[in-house]
């Protein structure tokens, strides 16, 4: 199982804090550094405020050298699809082909209100997400300048240039995730390279993976053509006192984290990760909430990673 680091900068983080985490994750051999795409904190002190996901990733593309970079996930309500395709392609080039695009419908009403971003109903948000996926993948695939056209309900493109192109071919990997039982699996089967199930126990993750597998089969794709992943908050300590200290630092209870996350001693964490591996997850995003605790990353890399093989 590949382990990736996943951060929530809207809870309060500077670019330098994110850079230190990304560089340490790169040094320790984690598969990727991902960040959320939010503009408002969700409880607690706001700290220094949010940072823009794609501006941050552009900086990290130049300040790192090997680790993969991405969003889990960018909200389709935040950006127009054409400019988003240009931004992702640009960051992909800046990184030498290390970018992945997680894209979702958006869900947090409060941040839309706080920043004046329209927040339509659920059905329309999913309609917009589907059109954005059509446009972004279509622009990236268009070879002839001015050849891309899209006449949708929410977006219309005429004589789209399809420029610039990402470095990765045929395109950067696309990650789609979520709990929706119908549209989410269908969109993943149509557009995604990876399906991610966030913050659910292994049985619910297994059930959603099965829905996505069925959608992949119905779409005529090979069964092994999709990567399946999950995301969980992480809180690992060398001993019980260290677990308690790290849990307190993020305002969580150790017993609750053991039930709903990847938490405890390294052996316990490896056992919890094995439950997800057993239902088909080959990749895990570990949500790191204390960005100043770089020793936490080192412990996971040296004491948990070896147990997974």
Protein backbone atom coordinates (compact mmCIF):
# COMPACT_ATOMS: atom_id res chain seq x y z
CA UNK A 1 0.00 0.00 0.00
CA UNK A 2 1.27 3.44 -0.94
CA UNK A 3 1.01 6.12 1.74
CA UNK A 4 0.37 9.74 0.82
CA UNK A 5 0.25 12.85 3.00
CA UNK A 6 -2.94 14.90 2.92
CA UNK A 7 -3.21 18.36 4.52
CA UNK A 8 -6.06 20.74 5.37
CA UNK A 9 -4.52 24.23 5.07
CA UNK A 10 -7.85 26.01 5.46
CA UNK A 11 -7.54 25.22 9.18
CA UNK A 12 -4.59 27.60 9.26
CA UNK A 13 -1.28 27.15 7.47
CA UNK A 14 1.27 29.31 5.76
CA UNK A 15 3.01 28.37 2.54
CA UNK A 16 6.24 27.78 4.46
CA UNK A 17 4.52 25.29 6.77
CA UNK A 18 3.16 23.39 3.78
CA UNK A 19 6.56 23.47 2.12
CA UNK A 20 8.26 21.98 5.18
CA UNK A 21 5.70 19.15 5.28
CA UNK A 22 6.03 18.50 1.54
CA UNK A 23 9.83 18.44 1.67
CA UNK A 24 9.83 16.09 4.66
CA UNK A 25 7.26 13.83 3.01
CA UNK A 26 9.46 13.77 -0.10
CA UNK A 27 12.59 12.97 1.92
CA UNK A 28 10.85 10.17 3.82
CA UNK A 29 9.51 8.44 0.74
CA UNK A 30 5.76 9.17 0.90
CA UNK A 31 4.08 8.80 -2.47
CA UNK A 32 2.54 12.26 -2.71
CA UNK A 33 1.68 15.51 -0.97
CA UNK A 34 -1.95 16.49 -1.39
CA UNK A 35 -3.92 19.39 -0.01
CA UNK A 36 -7.58 20.24 0.31
CA UNK A 37 -9.12 23.04 -1.73
CA UNK A 38 -11.10 25.16 0.73
CA UNK A 39 -11.33 28.85 1.50
CA UNK A 40 -12.73 28.76 5.05
CA UNK A 41 -11.78 26.91 8.20
CA UNK A 42 -14.16 24.39 9.73
CA UNK A 43 -14.20 25.13 13.44
CA UNK A 44 -11.39 26.30 15.69
CA UNK A 45 -9.20 29.34 15.26
CA UNK A 46 -8.75 30.46 11.63
CA UNK A 47 -4.99 30.94 12.03
CA UNK A 48 -3.29 32.78 9.16
CA UNK A 49 -6.23 32.08 6.87
CA UNK A 50 -6.56 29.95 3.74
CA UNK A 51 -4.09 29.59 0.92
CA UNK A 52 -5.16 29.00 -2.66
CA UNK A 53 -4.68 25.36 -3.63
CA UNK A 54 -3.28 25.78 -7.14
CA UNK A 55 -1.08 28.76 -6.32
CA UNK A 56 0.35 26.71 -3.44
CA UNK A 57 0.91 23.69 -5.67
CA UNK A 58 2.63 25.87 -8.27
CA UNK A 59 5.11 26.97 -5.63
CA UNK A 60 5.61 23.41 -4.39
CA UNK A 61 6.14 22.27 -7.98
CA UNK A 62 9.32 24.37 -8.03
CA UNK A 63 10.37 23.83 -4.41
CA UNK A 64 10.15 20.02 -4.51
CA UNK A 65 11.71 17.65 -7.01
CA UNK A 66 10.21 14.14 -6.93
CA UNK A 67 7.05 13.92 -4.83
CA UNK A 68 3.70 13.93 -6.61
CA UNK A 69 1.32 16.82 -5.90
CA UNK A 70 -2.45 17.19 -6.03
CA UNK A 71 -5.79 18.25 -4.61
CA UNK A 72 -8.27 16.21 -2.63
CA UNK A 73 -10.36 17.74 -3.98
CA UNK A 74 -10.73 20.93 -6.01
CA UNK A 75 -14.29 22.22 -6.01
CA UNK A 76 -15.96 22.64 -9.39
CA UNK A 77 -17.76 25.71 -8.00
CA UNK A 78 -14.53 27.65 -7.49
CA UNK A 79 -13.09 27.94 -11.00
CA UNK A 80 -14.24 27.98 -14.60
CA UNK A 81 -13.25 24.74 -16.36
CA UNK A 82 -11.18 26.31 -19.15
CA UNK A 83 -8.93 28.36 -16.86
CA UNK A 84 -8.69 25.40 -14.47
CA UNK A 85 -7.44 23.21 -17.32
CA UNK A 86 -4.79 25.84 -18.06
CA UNK A 87 -3.78 26.13 -14.37
CA UNK A 88 -3.39 22.38 -13.88
CA UNK A 89 -1.47 21.97 -17.14
CA UNK A 90 0.83 24.85 -16.15
CA UNK A 91 1.56 23.38 -12.71
CA UNK A 92 2.11 19.98 -14.30
CA UNK A 93 4.76 21.52 -16.55
CA UNK A 94 6.30 23.41 -13.63
CA UNK A 95 6.61 20.14 -11.70
CA UNK A 96 7.97 18.09 -14.57
CA UNK A 97 4.82 15.99 -14.73
CA UNK A 98 4.00 15.32 -11.08
CA UNK A 99 0.47 16.74 -10.76
CA UNK A 100 -2.84 14.97 -10.12
CA UNK A 101 -6.25 16.63 -10.24
CA UNK A 102 -8.85 15.69 -7.67
CA UNK A 103 -12.15 17.30 -8.67
CA UNK A 104 -15.49 17.31 -6.86
CA UNK A 105 -18.85 19.05 -6.84
CA UNK A 106 -18.21 21.16 -3.72
CA UNK A 107 -20.18 20.92 -0.50
CA UNK A 108 -19.24 23.61 2.06
CA UNK A 109 -21.88 26.33 1.79
CA UNK A 110 -20.22 28.60 4.37
CA UNK A 111 -17.06 29.22 2.36
CA UNK A 112 -19.11 30.08 -0.71
CA UNK A 113 -21.11 32.64 1.25
CA UNK A 114 -17.97 34.06 2.89
CA UNK A 115 -16.22 34.65 -0.44
CA UNK A 116 -19.17 35.47 -2.68
CA UNK A 117 -19.07 32.21 -4.66
CA UNK A 118 -22.41 30.96 -6.03
CA UNK A 119 -23.56 27.71 -4.42
CA UNK A 120 -26.31 26.02 -6.45
CA UNK A 121 -28.22 22.94 -5.37
CA UNK A 122 -26.72 19.47 -5.31
CA UNK A 123 -28.09 18.40 -8.68
CA UNK A 124 -26.76 21.45 -10.47
CA UNK A 125 -23.37 21.16 -8.78
CA UNK A 126 -23.03 17.59 -10.08
CA UNK A 127 -24.18 18.72 -13.53
CA UNK A 128 -21.48 21.39 -13.50
CA UNK A 129 -18.90 18.87 -12.30
CA UNK A 130 -19.73 16.54 -15.18
CA UNK A 131 -19.41 19.36 -17.71
CA UNK A 132 -16.13 20.51 -16.16
CA UNK A 133 -14.70 17.01 -16.49
CA UNK A 134 -15.82 16.88 -20.13
CA UNK A 135 -14.23 20.26 -20.84
CA UNK A 136 -10.95 19.75 -18.99
CA UNK A 137 -10.28 16.33 -20.49
CA UNK A 138 -11.48 17.54 -23.88
CA UNK A 139 -9.18 20.56 -23.92
CA UNK A 140 -6.20 18.46 -22.88
CA UNK A 141 -6.94 15.94 -25.63
CA UNK A 142 -7.45 18.53 -28.39
CA UNK A 143 -4.46 18.69 -30.72
CA UNK A 144 -5.66 21.20 -33.29
CA UNK A 145 -5.80 24.80 -32.10
CA UNK A 146 -9.37 26.09 -32.12
CA UNK A 147 -10.91 22.64 -32.57
CA UNK A 148 -12.58 22.11 -29.18
CA UNK A 149 -16.29 22.87 -28.90
CA UNK A 150 -18.66 22.43 -25.97
CA UNK A 151 -22.30 23.49 -25.92
CA UNK A 152 -23.50 22.55 -22.46
CA UNK A 153 -26.16 23.73 -20.08
CA UNK A 154 -23.74 25.64 -17.87
CA UNK A 155 -20.65 26.15 -20.04
CA UNK A 156 -20.20 26.94 -23.72
CA UNK A 157 -16.80 26.87 -25.44
CA UNK A 158 -16.34 27.83 -29.07
CA UNK A 159 -13.11 27.21 -30.94
CA UNK A 160 -11.31 26.13 -27.78
CA UNK A 161 -7.56 26.17 -28.22
CA UNK A 162 -6.70 23.19 -26.05
CA UNK A 163 -3.52 25.00 -24.95
CA UNK A 164 -1.35 24.58 -22.97
CA UNK A 165 -0.90 20.84 -22.73
CA UNK A 166 0.13 18.99 -19.58
CA UNK A 167 3.50 17.25 -19.53
CA UNK A 168 1.98 13.91 -18.56
CA UNK A 169 0.44 11.84 -21.32
CA UNK A 170 -2.29 11.28 -22.07
CA UNK A 171 -3.11 13.62 -19.16
CA UNK A 172 -2.55 14.10 -15.42
CA UNK A 173 -4.38 11.46 -13.36
CA UNK A 174 -7.88 12.49 -12.30
CA UNK A 175 -9.16 11.57 -8.84
CA UNK A 176 -12.89 11.44 -8.10
CA UNK A 177 -14.25 10.44 -4.72
CA UNK A 178 -17.19 10.56 -2.37
CA UNK A 179 -20.08 8.67 -0.87
CA UNK A 180 -22.75 9.15 -3.55
CA UNK A 181 -24.21 5.80 -4.62
CA UNK A 182 -25.03 6.55 -8.28
CA UNK A 183 -23.62 9.66 -9.96
CA UNK A 184 -20.27 9.53 -8.20
CA UNK A 185 -19.42 5.97 -9.35
CA UNK A 186 -20.69 6.79 -12.85
CA UNK A 187 -18.51 9.89 -13.12
CA UNK A 188 -15.52 8.00 -11.75
CA UNK A 189 -15.99 5.22 -14.30
CA UNK A 190 -16.20 7.75 -17.11
CA UNK A 191 -13.38 10.12 -16.20
CA UNK A 192 -11.22 9.01 -13.26
CA UNK A 193 -7.95 7.18 -12.94
CA UNK A 194 -8.48 6.85 -9.20
CA UNK A 195 -11.47 6.60 -6.91
CA UNK A 196 -11.09 7.84 -3.34
CA UNK A 197 -13.37 7.05 -0.40
CA UNK A 198 -12.88 9.66 2.34
CA UNK A 199 -13.29 9.17 6.07
CA UNK A 200 -15.35 5.98 6.15
CA UNK A 201 -14.84 2.67 7.88
CA UNK A 202 -13.64 -0.29 5.86
CA UNK A 203 -17.10 -1.91 5.38
CA UNK A 204 -18.60 1.28 3.91
CA UNK A 205 -15.46 1.77 1.82
CA UNK A 206 -15.79 -1.77 0.49
CA UNK A 207 -19.42 -1.20 -0.49
CA UNK A 208 -18.59 1.98 -2.37
CA UNK A 209 -15.63 0.34 -4.09
CA UNK A 210 -18.03 -2.37 -5.28
CA UNK A 211 -20.35 0.27 -6.76
CA UNK A 212 -17.45 1.87 -8.59
CA UNK A 213 -16.20 -1.50 -9.85
CA UNK A 214 -19.67 -2.20 -11.23
CA UNK A 215 -19.74 1.21 -12.93
CA UNK A 216 -16.27 0.61 -14.39
CA UNK A 217 -17.40 -2.73 -15.79
CA UNK A 218 -20.57 -1.17 -17.20
CA UNK A 219 -18.46 1.48 -18.91
CA UNK A 220 -16.46 -1.25 -20.65
CA UNK A 221 -13.21 -0.49 -18.86
CA UNK A 222 -10.89 -3.28 -17.67
CA UNK A 223 -11.53 -4.23 -14.05
CA UNK A 224 -7.98 -3.28 -13.06
CA UNK A 225 -8.08 0.08 -14.80
CA UNK A 226 -9.06 2.01 -11.64
CA UNK A 227 -6.91 2.74 -8.59
CA UNK A 228 -8.87 2.54 -5.33
CA UNK A 229 -7.85 4.65 -2.36
CA UNK A 230 -9.13 5.91 0.98
CA UNK A 231 -8.44 8.88 3.24
CA UNK A 232 -8.21 8.79 7.02
CA UNK A 233 -6.97 11.12 9.74
CA UNK A 234 -3.69 9.87 11.19
CA UNK A 235 -2.42 9.99 14.78
CA UNK A 236 0.41 7.58 15.52
CA UNK A 237 2.69 7.50 18.55
CA UNK A 238 5.60 5.36 19.65
CA UNK A 239 3.77 4.79 22.94
CA UNK A 240 0.44 5.61 24.56
CA UNK A 241 1.66 8.91 25.95
CA UNK A 242 2.75 10.06 22.52
CA UNK A 243 -0.58 9.02 21.00
CA UNK A 244 -2.42 11.02 23.67
CA UNK A 245 -0.20 14.06 23.14
CA UNK A 246 -0.74 14.06 19.37
CA UNK A 247 -4.49 13.53 19.75
CA UNK A 248 -4.73 16.46 22.17
CA UNK A 249 -2.80 18.67 19.77
CA UNK A 250 -5.50 18.20 17.11
CA UNK A 251 -8.43 18.33 19.56
CA UNK A 252 -9.40 14.66 19.24
CA UNK A 253 -9.84 11.75 21.62
CA UNK A 254 -7.46 8.78 21.22
CA UNK A 255 -10.26 6.22 21.52
CA UNK A 256 -12.36 8.01 18.90
CA UNK A 257 -9.37 8.26 16.56
CA UNK A 258 -8.69 4.55 16.93
CA UNK A 259 -12.28 3.89 15.90
CA UNK A 260 -12.51 6.40 13.04
CA UNK A 261 -8.96 6.89 11.80
CA UNK A 262 -5.49 5.44 11.57
CA UNK A 263 -4.33 5.85 15.15
CA UNK A 264 -2.41 4.26 17.98
CA UNK A 265 0.95 2.57 17.96
CA UNK A 266 2.69 1.75 14.67
CA UNK A 267 1.45 -1.84 14.92
CA UNK A 268 -2.12 -0.65 15.45
CA UNK A 269 -1.86 1.76 12.52
CA UNK A 270 -0.57 -0.99 10.25
CA UNK A 271 -3.44 -3.24 11.31
CA UNK A 272 -5.97 -0.51 10.53
CA UNK A 273 -4.40 0.12 7.14
CA UNK A 274 -4.52 -3.60 6.41
CA UNK A 275 -8.32 -3.50 6.75
CA UNK A 276 -8.49 -1.07 3.86
CA UNK A 277 -6.00 -3.08 1.84
CA UNK A 278 -8.23 -6.12 2.35
CA UNK A 279 -11.15 -4.36 0.61
CA UNK A 280 -9.04 -3.24 -2.34
CA UNK A 281 -7.37 0.05 -1.34
CA UNK A 282 -3.84 0.22 -2.73
CA UNK A 283 -3.29 3.82 -1.68
CA UNK A 284 -4.03 5.67 1.56
CA UNK A 285 -4.15 9.42 2.12
CA UNK A 286 -3.13 10.18 5.70
CA UNK A 287 -4.72 13.42 6.88
CA UNK A 288 -2.07 15.25 8.90
CA UNK A 289 -3.65 17.97 11.04
CA UNK A 290 -0.63 19.18 13.05
CA UNK A 291 1.61 20.56 10.32
CA UNK A 292 4.40 21.50 12.71
CA UNK A 293 4.91 17.94 13.99
CA UNK A 294 7.36 16.64 11.41
CA UNK A 295 8.48 13.90 13.81
CA UNK A 296 5.03 12.38 13.25
CA UNK A 297 5.82 11.89 9.57
CA UNK A 298 9.18 10.36 10.40
CA UNK A 299 7.59 7.87 12.81
CA UNK A 300 5.05 6.76 10.21
CA UNK A 301 7.74 6.39 7.55
CA UNK A 302 10.16 4.42 9.71
CA UNK A 303 7.77 2.36 11.85
CA UNK A 304 4.52 1.95 9.88
CA UNK A 305 5.60 1.81 6.24
CA UNK A 306 7.85 -1.26 6.75
CA UNK A 307 4.95 -3.17 8.30
CA UNK A 308 2.81 -2.73 5.18
CA UNK A 309 5.05 -4.83 2.96
